[in-house]
């Protein structure tokens, strides 16, 4: 997709500038039907080989359609050979995110970020979120940031987004801030999970590649120690 035709991410006027919404427009009915056929075919063929994606629509639209259609959650990684996801305990201080489980996204774009950012070849901290607010249908809203010094080196790679059955996955509970309910598009399953299909993605497939922000690790750490709820935010 050229810069001229690249969809422009939009956001709610009352959100800070670092939050971006899913690019528009979404797929038309004919494209959605083609997505459904490809999904059915991919599940039938299984995850031994990546989905043979030849549709003209961008891959992020296909993955968002898979996530929005009941029955799938998604996991992005640089490892293209996973046959079974084993529960792990991530370095997450939250009650939900710190449990031992297989984690997946209830969104199509968010896992692409984890697939195309090379955390193996580059030492970095990574901060990201994918949220919906209340019953807002204009979301989801995204935030992407990595260590600023690493961002300058363009740490991108080819990766894989796995499609998993949503059976057994528990959505992260809503978080209430005053009158606002925040729903994080994350789900967890305490049991091992085998993927049902997988799709190869490249950095150019990720619609927010040029909108990934950079943060200062030491400043973020200092803010966190001082009790800042959002230590990664910049003064926009």
Protein backbone atom coordinates (compact mmCIF):
# COMPACT_ATOMS: atom_id res chain seq x y z
CA UNK A 1 0.00 0.00 0.00
CA UNK A 2 1.51 3.35 -0.97
CA UNK A 3 1.80 6.35 1.34
CA UNK A 4 -0.81 8.09 -0.80
CA UNK A 5 -3.41 5.36 -0.28
CA UNK A 6 -2.45 4.41 3.29
CA UNK A 7 -5.54 4.75 5.57
CA UNK A 8 -5.18 7.51 8.16
CA UNK A 9 -5.73 6.36 11.77
CA UNK A 10 -8.33 8.44 13.56
CA UNK A 11 -9.01 8.91 17.27
CA UNK A 12 -11.61 10.42 19.57
CA UNK A 13 -11.15 14.13 20.09
CA UNK A 14 -11.11 13.67 23.90
CA UNK A 15 -8.25 11.12 23.82
CA UNK A 16 -4.55 12.06 24.02
CA UNK A 17 -2.65 12.13 20.73
CA UNK A 18 -0.84 8.85 21.36
CA UNK A 19 -4.09 6.85 21.10
CA UNK A 20 -5.04 5.78 17.57
CA UNK A 21 -8.13 4.00 16.31
CA UNK A 22 -8.42 1.23 13.75
CA UNK A 23 -7.92 2.55 10.21
CA UNK A 24 -11.01 3.03 8.10
CA UNK A 25 -12.83 1.95 6.10
CA UNK A 26 -13.50 -1.66 6.98
CA UNK A 27 -14.11 -4.42 4.42
CA UNK A 28 -17.11 -4.22 2.12
CA UNK A 29 -19.60 -7.15 2.14
CA UNK A 30 -17.93 -8.90 -0.79
CA UNK A 31 -14.52 -8.71 0.89
CA UNK A 32 -15.98 -9.90 4.20
CA UNK A 33 -17.43 -12.93 2.43
CA UNK A 34 -14.03 -13.65 0.89
CA UNK A 35 -12.50 -13.40 4.37
CA UNK A 36 -15.02 -15.92 5.69
CA UNK A 37 -14.24 -18.38 2.92
CA UNK A 38 -10.51 -18.05 3.51
CA UNK A 39 -10.94 -18.51 7.26
CA UNK A 40 -12.99 -21.65 6.77
CA UNK A 41 -10.41 -22.99 4.34
CA UNK A 42 -7.52 -22.12 6.68
CA UNK A 43 -9.09 -23.90 9.64
CA UNK A 44 -9.83 -26.93 7.49
CA UNK A 45 -6.22 -27.12 6.23
CA UNK A 46 -4.72 -26.52 9.69
CA UNK A 47 -1.64 -24.61 10.90
CA UNK A 48 1.12 -26.73 9.32
CA UNK A 49 1.60 -24.09 6.63
CA UNK A 50 0.83 -20.36 6.65
CA UNK A 51 -2.40 -19.19 5.06
CA UNK A 52 -1.90 -18.63 1.33
CA UNK A 53 -3.10 -15.04 1.41
CA UNK A 54 -3.74 -13.59 -2.05
CA UNK A 55 -6.66 -11.26 -1.44
CA UNK A 56 -6.26 -7.59 -2.46
CA UNK A 57 -7.43 -6.36 0.96
CA UNK A 58 -4.65 -5.68 3.52
CA UNK A 59 -3.84 -8.45 5.97
CA UNK A 60 -4.78 -6.31 8.96
CA UNK A 61 -8.36 -6.20 7.68
CA UNK A 62 -8.43 -9.98 7.39
CA UNK A 63 -7.06 -10.46 10.91
CA UNK A 64 -9.48 -7.90 12.36
CA UNK A 65 -12.33 -9.75 10.65
CA UNK A 66 -11.11 -13.01 12.21
CA UNK A 67 -10.93 -11.42 15.66
CA UNK A 68 -14.29 -9.69 15.34
CA UNK A 69 -15.96 -12.87 14.14
CA UNK A 70 -16.86 -15.03 17.13
CA UNK A 71 -14.61 -17.98 17.78
CA UNK A 72 -11.04 -16.71 17.32
CA UNK A 73 -8.36 -14.99 19.39
CA UNK A 74 -4.93 -14.14 17.97
CA UNK A 75 -1.29 -14.34 19.09
CA UNK A 76 1.63 -12.60 17.36
CA UNK A 77 5.26 -13.75 17.55
CA UNK A 78 8.47 -14.04 15.57
CA UNK A 79 8.39 -17.84 15.87
CA UNK A 80 6.74 -19.44 12.85
CA UNK A 81 7.03 -23.03 14.10
CA UNK A 82 4.82 -23.16 17.20
CA UNK A 83 2.59 -26.23 17.31
CA UNK A 84 1.29 -25.74 20.86
CA UNK A 85 1.28 -22.69 23.14
CA UNK A 86 2.21 -23.56 26.71
CA UNK A 87 1.04 -21.42 29.66
CA UNK A 88 3.67 -18.96 30.89
CA UNK A 89 3.83 -16.28 33.57
CA UNK A 90 4.79 -12.96 31.95
CA UNK A 91 6.53 -10.08 33.71
CA UNK A 92 3.29 -8.17 34.22
CA UNK A 93 2.47 -6.57 37.59
CA UNK A 94 -1.30 -6.72 37.06
CA UNK A 95 -3.39 -9.48 38.56
CA UNK A 96 -4.75 -10.63 35.23
CA UNK A 97 -1.61 -10.14 33.14
CA UNK A 98 0.66 -11.71 35.73
CA UNK A 99 -1.06 -15.09 35.85
CA UNK A 100 0.31 -18.26 34.32
CA UNK A 101 -1.58 -18.66 31.06
CA UNK A 102 -1.57 -18.51 27.29
CA UNK A 103 -2.38 -14.91 26.30
CA UNK A 104 -4.04 -13.80 23.09
CA UNK A 105 -5.62 -10.70 21.61
CA UNK A 106 -9.29 -10.14 20.85
CA UNK A 107 -8.19 -7.87 18.02
CA UNK A 108 -6.45 -8.26 14.67
CA UNK A 109 -3.95 -5.39 14.63
CA UNK A 110 -2.57 -5.68 18.17
CA UNK A 111 -0.92 -9.11 17.67
CA UNK A 112 0.71 -7.89 14.45
CA UNK A 113 2.78 -5.52 16.59
CA UNK A 114 4.24 -8.39 18.60
CA UNK A 115 4.90 -10.28 15.38
CA UNK A 116 6.89 -7.57 13.57
CA UNK A 117 8.86 -5.98 16.46
CA UNK A 118 12.11 -7.92 16.92
CA UNK A 119 12.50 -8.32 20.67
CA UNK A 120 14.97 -11.18 20.19
CA UNK A 121 17.56 -9.30 18.17
CA UNK A 122 17.24 -6.02 20.10
CA UNK A 123 17.15 -5.36 23.85
CA UNK A 124 14.19 -3.07 24.50
CA UNK A 125 11.19 -2.36 26.63
CA UNK A 126 7.87 -2.54 24.87
CA UNK A 127 4.71 -0.75 25.97
CA UNK A 128 1.40 -1.18 24.22
CA UNK A 129 -2.35 -1.32 24.75
CA UNK A 130 -5.53 -2.03 22.83
CA UNK A 131 -8.71 -0.79 24.47
CA UNK A 132 -12.37 0.02 24.01
CA UNK A 133 -14.17 2.62 26.10
CA UNK A 134 -17.62 1.94 27.52
CA UNK A 135 -19.86 0.82 24.67
CA UNK A 136 -17.93 2.90 22.14
CA UNK A 137 -18.20 1.35 18.68
CA UNK A 138 -15.54 3.64 17.15
CA UNK A 139 -12.68 1.77 18.80
CA UNK A 140 -10.59 -0.09 19.45
CA UNK A 141 -7.86 2.39 20.34
CA UNK A 142 -4.18 1.52 20.21
CA UNK A 143 -0.91 2.68 21.69
CA UNK A 144 2.53 1.43 20.57
CA UNK A 145 5.91 2.41 21.98
CA UNK A 146 9.41 0.89 22.27
CA UNK A 147 12.75 2.08 23.66
CA UNK A 148 13.59 5.27 21.74
CA UNK A 149 17.22 4.37 21.03
CA UNK A 150 16.11 1.05 19.53
CA UNK A 151 13.30 2.63 17.52
CA UNK A 152 15.92 4.63 15.63
CA UNK A 153 17.45 1.32 14.45
CA UNK A 154 14.15 0.09 12.95
CA UNK A 155 13.99 -3.29 14.73
CA UNK A 156 11.46 -4.89 12.41
CA UNK A 157 11.17 -8.51 11.27
CA UNK A 158 8.89 -10.94 9.50
CA UNK A 159 6.57 -12.62 11.98
CA UNK A 160 3.55 -14.85 12.39
CA UNK A 161 0.05 -14.25 13.72
CA UNK A 162 -1.57 -17.45 15.01
CA UNK A 163 -5.32 -17.96 15.08
CA UNK A 164 -6.49 -19.82 18.19
CA UNK A 165 -9.90 -21.12 19.15
CA UNK A 166 -11.49 -18.76 21.68
CA UNK A 167 -12.77 -21.75 23.67
CA UNK A 168 -11.27 -21.72 27.16
CA UNK A 169 -10.07 -18.09 26.96
CA UNK A 170 -11.25 -15.63 29.61
CA UNK A 171 -11.44 -11.94 28.61
CA UNK A 172 -9.64 -9.50 30.84
CA UNK A 173 -12.12 -7.89 33.27
CA UNK A 174 -13.14 -4.31 32.63
CA UNK A 175 -11.36 -1.53 34.49
CA UNK A 176 -13.43 1.38 35.79
CA UNK A 177 -12.04 4.93 35.92
CA UNK A 178 -14.79 7.15 37.26
CA UNK A 179 -17.62 6.96 34.74
CA UNK A 180 -15.44 5.30 32.09
CA UNK A 181 -15.15 1.54 31.62
CA UNK A 182 -11.98 0.40 29.86
CA UNK A 183 -12.00 -2.97 28.13
CA UNK A 184 -8.54 -4.30 27.27
CA UNK A 185 -8.59 -6.62 24.26
CA UNK A 186 -6.69 -9.40 26.00
CA UNK A 187 -7.75 -12.91 26.95
CA UNK A 188 -6.05 -15.72 28.87
CA UNK A 189 -6.31 -19.51 28.92
CA UNK A 190 -4.66 -21.50 31.75
CA UNK A 191 -4.33 -24.61 29.55
CA UNK A 192 -2.06 -25.38 26.59
CA UNK A 193 -3.54 -24.27 23.28
CA UNK A 194 -2.91 -25.56 19.77
CA UNK A 195 -3.29 -23.03 16.94
CA UNK A 196 -5.89 -23.64 14.26
CA UNK A 197 -4.19 -21.53 11.54
CA UNK A 198 -1.37 -19.02 11.05
CA UNK A 199 -0.58 -16.08 8.79
CA UNK A 200 2.84 -14.66 7.89
CA UNK A 201 3.05 -10.87 8.32
CA UNK A 202 5.76 -8.41 7.35
CA UNK A 203 6.50 -4.96 8.75
CA UNK A 204 4.79 -3.33 5.76
CA UNK A 205 1.58 -5.22 6.64
CA UNK A 206 1.36 -3.43 10.01
CA UNK A 207 -0.72 -0.26 9.49
CA UNK A 208 0.86 1.64 12.41
CA UNK A 209 4.52 0.93 11.60
CA UNK A 210 5.31 4.61 11.15
CA UNK A 211 3.29 5.58 14.22
CA UNK A 212 5.21 3.50 16.77
CA UNK A 213 6.50 5.91 19.39
CA UNK A 214 9.73 5.91 21.33
CA UNK A 215 10.13 6.27 25.10
CA UNK A 216 13.02 6.86 27.48
CA UNK A 217 13.46 3.75 29.65
CA UNK A 218 14.95 5.58 32.63
CA UNK A 219 12.31 8.30 32.59
CA UNK A 220 9.56 5.70 32.36
CA UNK A 221 11.06 3.79 35.31
CA UNK A 222 11.33 6.95 37.41
CA UNK A 223 7.73 7.89 36.69
CA UNK A 224 6.55 4.40 37.59
CA UNK A 225 8.43 4.49 40.90
CA UNK A 226 6.84 7.87 41.60
CA UNK A 227 3.39 6.34 41.21
CA UNK A 228 2.53 7.62 37.73
CA UNK A 229 -0.36 5.51 36.41
CA UNK A 230 0.77 6.11 32.82
CA UNK A 231 4.59 6.36 33.07
CA UNK A 232 5.07 5.78 29.35
CA UNK A 233 3.05 8.77 28.18
CA UNK A 234 4.72 11.76 26.57
CA UNK A 235 3.80 15.37 27.12
CA UNK A 236 1.84 15.90 23.90
